[in-house]
Amino acid sequence: MSRQQSLEQKRAAAAWERVVYVRDHGQGYAKKYGQLAKSAPADIQANGLGQTLAFWRAKTKEEHSQALFKDVSDWVKQQLGLPAQKTLLEWIMQDARTDEYRRATAEAIAFLNWLKRFAEAELGGE
């Protein structure tokens, strides 16, 4: 088994875990989380990872935005070996080099592609 396949399996497992958690515990925001997850890869490609994270973070009263912000941040930080005390957005604004930012963006999109598919299947919505 190649490393890439193993990483894809880890992404899929983490995305599935998060979608199932939202499905089972995200009463009131599961459908909106699914809708946001479905548009997230395109949002990142169009606006950039930092700007998309900042937009989600600014929606402090919207549980689905905060949950997706946390899910993506946690996954990317884990994969890049970033310190736990900063959010992904803080790291991008304060410390990230261009190559690291590109890697974080690619990892976020790869993770979100799995999250998007599972959200479509489990959380419904258009």
Protein backbone atom coordinates (compact mmCIF):
# COMPACT_ATOMS: atom_id res chain seq x y z
CA MET A 1 0.00 0.00 0.00
CA SER A 2 1.39 3.38 -0.93
CA ARG A 3 1.61 6.31 1.47
CA GLN A 4 -0.87 8.28 -0.64
CA GLN A 5 -3.53 5.58 -0.32
CA SER A 6 -2.97 5.44 3.40
CA LEU A 7 -3.34 9.21 3.70
CA GLU A 8 -6.53 9.10 1.61
CA GLN A 9 -7.91 6.47 3.94
CA LYS A 10 -7.07 8.65 6.96
CA ARG A 11 -8.78 11.64 5.35
CA ALA A 12 -11.84 9.58 4.57
CA ALA A 13 -12.03 8.15 8.08
CA ALA A 14 -11.66 11.58 9.71
CA ALA A 15 -14.26 13.13 7.41
CA TRP A 16 -16.69 10.28 8.06
CA GLU A 17 -16.21 10.64 11.82
CA ARG A 18 -17.00 14.35 11.70
CA VAL A 19 -20.04 13.98 9.46
CA VAL A 20 -21.47 11.20 11.65
CA TYR A 21 -20.90 13.35 14.73
CA VAL A 22 -22.73 16.29 13.13
CA ARG A 23 -25.51 13.99 11.93
CA ASP A 24 -26.00 12.53 15.40
CA HIS A 25 -25.32 15.59 17.58
CA GLY A 26 -25.69 18.65 15.37
CA GLN A 27 -29.38 19.11 15.92
CA GLY A 28 -30.45 22.29 14.25
CA TYR A 29 -27.34 22.81 12.17
CA ALA A 30 -26.54 19.48 10.47
CA LYS A 31 -28.21 20.44 7.18
CA LYS A 32 -26.48 23.84 7.10
CA TYR A 33 -23.14 22.19 7.94
CA GLY A 34 -23.66 19.87 4.98
CA GLN A 35 -24.47 22.75 2.66
CA LEU A 36 -21.41 24.69 3.80
CA ALA A 37 -19.18 21.62 3.47
CA LYS A 38 -20.40 21.09 -0.09
CA SER A 39 -19.37 24.58 -1.16
CA ALA A 40 -16.16 24.73 0.90
CA PRO A 41 -13.64 23.35 -1.65
CA ALA A 42 -14.85 25.80 -4.30
CA ASP A 43 -14.85 28.64 -1.76
CA ILE A 44 -11.22 27.92 -0.92
CA GLN A 45 -10.20 27.72 -4.56
CA ALA A 46 -11.96 30.99 -5.36
CA ASN A 47 -11.07 33.01 -2.26
CA GLY A 48 -8.09 31.30 -0.64
CA LEU A 49 -7.81 29.23 2.51
CA GLY A 50 -7.13 32.16 4.83
CA GLN A 51 -10.04 34.23 3.58
CA THR A 52 -12.44 31.29 3.73
CA LEU A 53 -11.39 30.41 7.28
CA ALA A 54 -11.76 34.07 8.29
CA PHE A 55 -15.27 34.15 6.82
CA TRP A 56 -16.30 31.03 8.74
CA ARG A 57 -14.69 32.34 11.92
CA ALA A 58 -16.55 35.66 11.61
CA LYS A 59 -19.89 33.82 11.67
CA THR A 60 -19.70 33.41 15.44
CA LYS A 61 -23.43 32.86 15.91
CA GLU A 62 -23.64 30.12 13.28
CA GLU A 63 -22.81 26.74 14.78
CA HIS A 64 -22.30 25.11 11.41
CA SER A 65 -19.65 27.66 10.40
CA GLN A 66 -17.83 27.29 13.71
CA ALA A 67 -17.95 23.49 13.49
CA LEU A 68 -16.55 23.42 9.96
CA PHE A 69 -13.86 25.94 10.91
CA LYS A 70 -12.80 23.68 13.77
CA ASP A 71 -12.98 20.46 11.75
CA VAL A 72 -10.84 21.78 8.90
CA SER A 73 -8.42 23.53 11.25
CA ASP A 74 -7.94 20.46 13.42
CA TRP A 75 -7.31 18.17 10.45
CA VAL A 76 -4.86 20.47 8.65
CA LYS A 77 -2.98 21.32 11.85
CA GLN A 78 -2.61 17.62 12.62
CA GLN A 79 -1.33 16.81 9.13
CA LEU A 80 1.15 19.69 9.07
CA GLY A 81 2.29 19.12 12.67
CA LEU A 82 1.30 22.61 13.77
CA PRO A 83 1.16 23.70 17.43
CA ALA A 84 -2.17 23.15 19.19
CA GLN A 85 -2.24 26.56 20.88
CA LYS A 86 -2.93 28.46 17.63
CA THR A 87 -5.83 28.12 15.26
CA LEU A 88 -5.02 27.38 11.63
CA LEU A 89 -6.07 30.91 10.78
CA GLU A 90 -3.67 32.39 13.34
CA TRP A 91 -0.85 30.25 11.97
CA ILE A 92 -1.62 31.39 8.41
CA MET A 93 -1.64 35.06 9.42
CA GLN A 94 1.43 34.95 11.66
CA ASP A 95 3.80 32.16 10.70
CA ALA A 96 3.04 30.41 7.40
CA ARG A 97 5.52 30.61 4.55
CA THR A 98 4.19 30.50 0.99
CA ASP A 99 5.04 26.82 0.48
CA GLU A 100 3.44 25.90 3.81
CA TYR A 101 0.31 27.88 2.93
CA ARG A 102 0.05 26.01 -0.38
CA ARG A 103 0.44 22.69 1.41
CA ALA A 104 -2.21 23.66 3.98
CA THR A 105 -4.57 24.68 1.17
CA ALA A 106 -4.05 21.42 -0.72
CA GLU A 107 -4.62 19.39 2.46
CA ALA A 108 -7.76 21.34 3.37
CA ILE A 109 -9.24 20.79 -0.09
CA ALA A 110 -8.35 17.08 -0.09
CA PHE A 111 -10.00 16.64 3.31
CA LEU A 112 -13.03 18.70 2.31
CA ASN A 113 -13.58 16.63 -0.82
CA TRP A 114 -14.21 13.63 1.44
CA LEU A 115 -16.26 15.68 3.88
CA LYS A 116 -18.37 17.02 1.01
CA ARG A 117 -19.19 13.53 -0.31
CA PHE A 118 -20.11 12.16 3.09
CA ALA A 119 -22.17 15.27 3.91
CA GLU A 120 -24.12 14.83 0.66
CA ALA A 121 -24.90 11.24 1.63
CA GLU A 122 -25.62 11.69 5.33
CA LEU A 123 -26.81 15.24 5.95
CA GLY A 124 -29.15 15.80 3.01
CA GLY A 125 -30.04 19.18 1.65
CA GLU A 126 -29.63 20.62 -1.79
